[in-house]
Amino acid sequence: MNKLPIFEWFYPQGDVMVTVNTHITGVDIPPDLRQQEIVDFILGDKPTPKLTADGVGISAPMRFHGSLYSCYFPWACVLQMSGQEAVMQFRNPTPVKGDFGVQPKQAANKKRRGNLRVVK
């Protein structure tokens, strides 16, 4: 999915919170943040004035503990973008293990009664 047009829609509206999976190949953030799998970053004119976004990802120099670090986020690592007007979540590209479509046997065999009743 091409996430650049979505980011370009959010960015002029103000700060954009970008939720990132730090374990995706190509993510470049400070080492202490890599310990967490999911991290939120605030991107916008004030916090990241030298931000660049292209078809491959987002690069932005950001301050952490007073030091400047050149961060890079490939689009594959972006799980969510949110701003004042909307939130956009992207599907997890890796399949989730487990069979969520199967009902437990006792629930499938039990006859359900309706929750609503007519009272006269």
N, C-alpha and C. Protein backbone atom coordinates (compact mmCIF):
# COMPACT_ATOMS: atom_id res chain seq x y z
N MET A 1 0.84 -1.18 0.00
CA MET A 1 0.00 0.00 0.00
C MET A 1 0.89 1.24 0.00
N ASN A 2 0.53 2.19 -0.82
CA ASN A 2 1.27 3.45 -0.89
C ASN A 2 0.76 4.39 0.21
N LYS A 3 1.57 4.57 1.25
CA LYS A 3 1.16 5.37 2.41
C LYS A 3 1.53 6.85 2.27
N LEU A 4 2.33 7.19 1.26
CA LEU A 4 2.76 8.58 1.08
C LEU A 4 1.58 9.53 0.88
N PRO A 5 0.59 9.24 0.02
CA PRO A 5 -0.54 10.18 -0.13
C PRO A 5 -1.32 10.38 1.17
N ILE A 6 -1.40 9.34 1.97
CA ILE A 6 -2.10 9.47 3.25
C ILE A 6 -1.33 10.39 4.18
N PHE A 7 -0.01 10.21 4.23
CA PHE A 7 0.83 11.09 5.06
C PHE A 7 0.74 12.53 4.55
N GLU A 8 0.75 12.71 3.25
CA GLU A 8 0.66 14.06 2.67
C GLU A 8 -0.69 14.71 2.97
N TRP A 9 -1.72 13.93 3.21
CA TRP A 9 -3.02 14.48 3.60
C TRP A 9 -2.98 14.93 5.07
N PHE A 10 -2.36 14.11 5.93
CA PHE A 10 -2.29 14.43 7.36
C PHE A 10 -1.36 15.62 7.64
N TYR A 11 -0.20 15.65 7.02
CA TYR A 11 0.89 16.57 7.39
C TYR A 11 0.49 18.05 7.38
N PRO A 12 -0.19 18.57 6.37
CA PRO A 12 -0.54 20.00 6.39
C PRO A 12 -1.54 20.38 7.49
N GLN A 13 -2.23 19.41 8.06
CA GLN A 13 -3.23 19.69 9.09
C GLN A 13 -2.62 19.96 10.46
N GLY A 14 -1.35 19.63 10.63
CA GLY A 14 -0.70 19.81 11.93
C GLY A 14 0.14 18.59 12.26
N ASP A 15 0.48 18.44 13.52
CA ASP A 15 1.31 17.32 13.94
C ASP A 15 0.62 15.99 13.63
N VAL A 16 1.45 15.02 13.22
CA VAL A 16 0.96 13.68 12.89
C VAL A 16 1.64 12.70 13.83
N MET A 17 0.85 11.89 14.52
CA MET A 17 1.44 10.83 15.33
C MET A 17 1.55 9.59 14.45
N VAL A 18 2.78 9.11 14.31
CA VAL A 18 3.05 7.93 13.49
C VAL A 18 3.46 6.79 14.42
N THR A 19 2.73 5.69 14.35
CA THR A 19 3.03 4.51 15.15
C THR A 19 3.87 3.58 14.30
N VAL A 20 5.02 3.17 14.84
CA VAL A 20 6.03 2.45 14.07
C VAL A 20 6.37 1.12 14.73
N ASN A 21 6.53 0.08 13.91
CA ASN A 21 7.08 -1.20 14.38
C ASN A 21 8.59 -1.10 14.21
N THR A 22 9.31 -1.03 15.32
CA THR A 22 10.76 -0.80 15.27
C THR A 22 11.55 -2.03 14.85
N HIS A 23 10.91 -3.19 14.77
CA HIS A 23 11.62 -4.41 14.39
C HIS A 23 11.63 -4.67 12.89
N ILE A 24 11.03 -3.78 12.12
CA ILE A 24 11.03 -3.91 10.66
C ILE A 24 12.40 -3.47 10.13
N THR A 25 12.91 -4.18 9.15
CA THR A 25 14.21 -3.86 8.55
C THR A 25 14.19 -2.46 7.95
N GLY A 26 15.23 -1.69 8.23
CA GLY A 26 15.38 -0.36 7.66
C GLY A 26 15.05 0.76 8.62
N VAL A 27 14.39 0.46 9.74
CA VAL A 27 14.06 1.49 10.72
C VAL A 27 15.36 1.95 11.38
N ASP A 28 15.56 3.26 11.43
CA ASP A 28 16.75 3.82 12.06
C ASP A 28 16.31 4.80 13.14
N ILE A 29 16.41 4.36 14.39
CA ILE A 29 16.05 5.18 15.55
C ILE A 29 17.11 4.95 16.63
N PRO A 30 17.13 5.77 17.67
CA PRO A 30 18.12 5.55 18.74
C PRO A 30 18.00 4.15 19.33
N PRO A 31 19.14 3.55 19.69
CA PRO A 31 19.15 2.16 20.19
C PRO A 31 18.24 1.92 21.40
N ASP A 32 18.12 2.88 22.30
CA ASP A 32 17.28 2.65 23.48
C ASP A 32 15.80 2.52 23.13
N LEU A 33 15.37 3.10 22.01
CA LEU A 33 13.98 2.96 21.58
C LEU A 33 13.71 1.64 20.88
N ARG A 34 14.76 0.98 20.39
CA ARG A 34 14.59 -0.30 19.69
C ARG A 34 14.16 -1.42 20.63
N GLN A 35 14.30 -1.20 21.93
CA GLN A 35 13.90 -2.23 22.90
C GLN A 35 12.38 -2.42 22.89
N GLN A 36 11.66 -1.40 22.49
CA GLN A 36 10.20 -1.49 22.39
C GLN A 36 9.84 -1.85 20.95
N GLU A 37 8.90 -2.74 20.77
CA GLU A 37 8.52 -3.13 19.40
C GLU A 37 7.68 -2.04 18.72
N ILE A 38 6.77 -1.42 19.46
CA ILE A 38 5.88 -0.40 18.90
C ILE A 38 6.18 0.93 19.59
N VAL A 39 6.48 1.97 18.79
CA VAL A 39 6.80 3.29 19.33
C VAL A 39 6.04 4.35 18.53
N ASP A 40 5.55 5.37 19.22
CA ASP A 40 4.86 6.50 18.59
C ASP A 40 5.84 7.66 18.44
N PHE A 41 5.78 8.33 17.28
CA PHE A 41 6.59 9.52 17.01
C PHE A 41 5.67 10.63 16.56
N ILE A 42 5.94 11.85 17.00
CA ILE A 42 5.18 13.03 16.58
C ILE A 42 5.98 13.73 15.49
N LEU A 43 5.38 13.86 14.32
CA LEU A 43 6.03 14.51 13.18
C LEU A 43 5.21 15.72 12.78
N GLY A 44 5.88 16.81 12.45
CA GLY A 44 5.18 18.03 12.04
C GLY A 44 6.16 19.16 11.82
N ASP A 45 5.64 20.33 11.45
CA ASP A 45 6.49 21.50 11.18
C ASP A 45 7.34 21.90 12.38
N LYS A 46 6.77 21.89 13.57
CA LYS A 46 7.51 22.32 14.77
C LYS A 46 8.46 21.23 15.27
N PRO A 47 7.98 20.01 15.53
CA PRO A 47 8.91 19.01 16.09
C PRO A 47 9.94 18.49 15.08
N THR A 48 9.59 18.46 13.80
CA THR A 48 10.51 17.92 12.78
C THR A 48 10.49 18.81 11.54
N PRO A 49 11.08 20.02 11.61
CA PRO A 49 10.99 20.95 10.48
C PRO A 49 11.75 20.50 9.24
N LYS A 50 12.72 19.62 9.38
CA LYS A 50 13.51 19.18 8.22
C LYS A 50 13.09 17.79 7.74
N LEU A 51 11.86 17.44 7.97
CA LEU A 51 11.32 16.14 7.58
C LEU A 51 11.23 16.04 6.06
N THR A 52 11.55 14.87 5.53
CA THR A 52 11.32 14.58 4.11
C THR A 52 10.59 13.24 4.00
N ALA A 53 9.62 13.19 3.12
CA ALA A 53 8.87 11.96 2.88
C ALA A 53 8.86 11.70 1.39
N ASP A 54 9.12 10.45 1.01
CA ASP A 54 9.09 10.08 -0.40
C ASP A 54 8.44 8.72 -0.53
N GLY A 55 8.53 8.11 -1.68
CA GLY A 55 7.89 6.84 -1.94
C GLY A 55 8.45 5.68 -1.14
N VAL A 56 9.62 5.86 -0.52
CA VAL A 56 10.27 4.78 0.22
C VAL A 56 10.02 4.88 1.72
N GLY A 57 9.95 6.13 2.24
CA GLY A 57 9.74 6.29 3.68
C GLY A 57 9.87 7.73 4.13
N ILE A 58 10.03 7.90 5.43
CA ILE A 58 10.14 9.21 6.06
C ILE A 58 11.50 9.31 6.73
N SER A 59 12.19 10.42 6.50
CA SER A 59 13.42 10.69 7.25
C SER A 59 13.27 12.04 7.93
N ALA A 60 13.74 12.09 9.18
CA ALA A 60 13.60 13.32 9.95
C ALA A 60 14.63 13.35 11.07
N PRO A 61 15.39 14.45 11.17
CA PRO A 61 16.25 14.61 12.34
C PRO A 61 15.37 14.95 13.55
N MET A 62 15.58 14.22 14.64
CA MET A 62 14.77 14.41 15.85
C MET A 62 15.68 14.48 17.07
N ARG A 63 15.23 15.18 18.11
CA ARG A 63 16.00 15.29 19.35
C ARG A 63 15.53 14.27 20.37
N PHE A 64 16.51 13.55 20.94
CA PHE A 64 16.27 12.59 22.01
C PHE A 64 17.29 12.86 23.10
N HIS A 65 16.82 13.18 24.28
CA HIS A 65 17.69 13.49 25.42
C HIS A 65 18.71 14.57 25.07
N GLY A 66 18.29 15.56 24.29
CA GLY A 66 19.15 16.68 23.92
C GLY A 66 20.05 16.45 22.73
N SER A 67 20.14 15.23 22.23
CA SER A 67 21.01 14.92 21.09
C SER A 67 20.17 14.75 19.82
N LEU A 68 20.71 15.23 18.71
CA LEU A 68 20.04 15.11 17.41
C LEU A 68 20.33 13.74 16.81
N TYR A 69 19.29 13.07 16.31
CA TYR A 69 19.44 11.76 15.69
C TYR A 69 18.64 11.76 14.39
N SER A 70 19.26 11.30 13.31
CA SER A 70 18.58 11.22 12.01
C SER A 70 17.77 9.92 11.95
N CYS A 71 16.48 10.04 12.12
CA CYS A 71 15.59 8.88 12.12
C CYS A 71 15.12 8.57 10.70
N TYR A 72 14.87 7.30 10.47
CA TYR A 72 14.32 6.89 9.17
C TYR A 72 13.25 5.82 9.42
N PHE A 73 12.11 6.00 8.77
CA PHE A 73 10.99 5.07 8.89
C PHE A 73 10.55 4.63 7.50
N PRO A 74 10.88 3.39 7.07
CA PRO A 74 10.33 2.92 5.80
C PRO A 74 8.82 2.75 5.96
N TRP A 75 8.10 2.88 4.87
CA TRP A 75 6.64 2.81 4.95
C TRP A 75 6.15 1.48 5.51
N ALA A 76 6.92 0.42 5.30
CA ALA A 76 6.50 -0.90 5.79
C ALA A 76 6.37 -0.94 7.31
N CYS A 77 7.10 -0.08 8.02
CA CYS A 77 7.06 -0.11 9.49
C CYS A 77 5.94 0.75 10.06
N VAL A 78 5.29 1.57 9.25
CA VAL A 78 4.25 2.48 9.74
C VAL A 78 2.94 1.70 9.90
N LEU A 79 2.49 1.59 11.15
CA LEU A 79 1.27 0.84 11.46
C LEU A 79 0.04 1.73 11.55
N GLN A 80 0.25 3.01 11.89
CA GLN A 80 -0.87 3.92 12.07
C GLN A 80 -0.40 5.35 11.93
N MET A 81 -1.28 6.20 11.40
CA MET A 81 -1.08 7.64 11.36
C MET A 81 -2.32 8.27 11.96
N SER A 82 -2.12 9.29 12.79
CA SER A 82 -3.28 9.97 13.35
C SER A 82 -3.00 11.45 13.50
N GLY A 83 -4.05 12.22 13.29
CA GLY A 83 -3.99 13.67 13.43
C GLY A 83 -5.24 14.15 14.12
N GLN A 84 -5.51 15.44 14.02
CA GLN A 84 -6.68 16.00 14.68
C GLN A 84 -7.98 15.59 14.01
N GLU A 85 -7.93 15.32 12.72
CA GLU A 85 -9.15 15.03 11.96
C GLU A 85 -9.46 13.55 11.77
N ALA A 86 -8.44 12.70 11.85
CA ALA A 86 -8.68 11.29 11.53
C ALA A 86 -7.57 10.40 12.07
N VAL A 87 -7.84 9.10 12.05
CA VAL A 87 -6.86 8.08 12.39
C VAL A 87 -6.90 7.05 11.27
N MET A 88 -5.73 6.64 10.81
CA MET A 88 -5.65 5.62 9.75
C MET A 88 -4.78 4.49 10.25
N GLN A 89 -5.36 3.28 10.37
CA GLN A 89 -4.61 2.11 10.77
C GLN A 89 -4.39 1.23 9.56
N PHE A 90 -3.23 0.61 9.51
CA PHE A 90 -2.89 -0.26 8.40
C PHE A 90 -2.86 -1.69 8.90
N ARG A 91 -3.27 -2.61 8.05
CA ARG A 91 -3.32 -4.03 8.43
C ARG A 91 -1.93 -4.55 8.70
N ASN A 92 -1.88 -5.51 9.59
CA ASN A 92 -0.63 -6.19 9.89
C ASN A 92 -0.30 -7.11 8.71
N PRO A 93 0.86 -6.92 8.05
CA PRO A 93 1.17 -7.73 6.87
C PRO A 93 1.47 -9.19 7.19
N THR A 94 1.81 -9.51 8.44
CA THR A 94 2.11 -10.89 8.79
C THR A 94 0.86 -11.55 9.35
N PRO A 95 0.56 -12.77 8.92
CA PRO A 95 -0.65 -13.43 9.41
C PRO A 95 -0.55 -13.71 10.90
N VAL A 96 -1.67 -13.64 11.56
CA VAL A 96 -1.74 -13.92 12.99
C VAL A 96 -2.10 -15.39 13.16
N LYS A 97 -1.35 -16.10 14.02
CA LYS A 97 -1.62 -17.52 14.24
C LYS A 97 -2.81 -17.67 15.17
N GLY A 98 -3.58 -18.69 14.93
CA GLY A 98 -4.75 -18.95 15.77
C GLY A 98 -5.99 -19.06 14.91
N ASP A 99 -6.95 -19.80 15.40
CA ASP A 99 -8.20 -19.98 14.67
C ASP A 99 -9.29 -19.21 15.40
N PHE A 100 -9.50 -17.97 14.98
CA PHE A 100 -10.45 -17.10 15.66
C PHE A 100 -11.87 -17.29 15.15
N GLY A 101 -12.06 -18.02 14.05
CA GLY A 101 -13.38 -18.18 13.49
C GLY A 101 -14.17 -19.33 14.09
N VAL A 102 -13.53 -20.20 14.87
CA VAL A 102 -14.19 -21.38 15.43
C VAL A 102 -14.79 -21.02 16.79
N GLN A 103 -16.05 -21.38 16.97
CA GLN A 103 -16.71 -21.16 18.25
C GLN A 103 -16.44 -22.34 19.16
N PRO A 104 -16.39 -22.12 20.46
CA PRO A 104 -16.25 -23.26 21.38
C PRO A 104 -17.43 -24.21 21.21
N LYS A 105 -17.20 -25.52 21.41
CA LYS A 105 -18.24 -26.53 21.16
C LYS A 105 -19.46 -26.33 22.03
N GLN A 106 -19.28 -26.01 23.32
CA GLN A 106 -20.45 -25.84 24.18
C GLN A 106 -21.30 -24.68 23.72
N ALA A 107 -20.71 -23.61 23.23
CA ALA A 107 -21.48 -22.45 22.77
C ALA A 107 -22.20 -22.77 21.46
N ALA A 108 -21.60 -23.59 20.61
CA ALA A 108 -22.20 -23.92 19.33
C ALA A 108 -23.42 -24.83 19.52
N ASN A 109 -23.38 -25.74 20.51
CA ASN A 109 -24.47 -26.68 20.73
C ASN A 109 -25.61 -26.09 21.56
N LYS A 110 -25.33 -25.08 22.35
CA LYS A 110 -26.33 -24.49 23.23
C LYS A 110 -27.28 -23.61 22.42
N LYS A 111 -28.58 -23.82 22.66
CA LYS A 111 -29.57 -23.01 21.96
C LYS A 111 -29.65 -21.65 22.64
N ARG A 112 -29.51 -20.59 21.86
CA ARG A 112 -29.53 -19.24 22.41
C ARG A 112 -30.95 -18.71 22.45
N ARG A 113 -31.23 -18.02 23.54
CA ARG A 113 -32.51 -17.32 23.65
C ARG A 113 -32.26 -15.86 23.34
N GLY A 114 -33.25 -15.22 22.82
CA GLY A 114 -33.13 -13.81 22.51
C GLY A 114 -32.98 -12.96 23.77
N ASN A 115 -32.31 -11.85 23.66
CA ASN A 115 -32.11 -10.96 24.79
C ASN A 115 -33.32 -10.07 25.05
N LEU A 116 -34.14 -9.85 24.05
CA LEU A 116 -35.30 -8.97 24.18
C LEU A 116 -36.56 -9.81 24.34
N ARG A 117 -37.46 -9.35 25.21
CA ARG A 117 -38.72 -10.05 25.43
C ARG A 117 -39.86 -9.05 25.32
N VAL A 118 -41.01 -9.52 24.89
CA VAL A 118 -42.20 -8.68 24.81
C VAL A 118 -42.93 -8.79 26.14
N VAL A 119 -43.21 -7.66 26.75
CA VAL A 119 -43.93 -7.62 28.02
C VAL A 119 -45.24 -6.90 27.77
N LYS A 120 -46.37 -7.53 28.15
CA LYS A 120 -47.69 -6.93 27.95
C LYS A 120 -48.28 -6.51 29.26
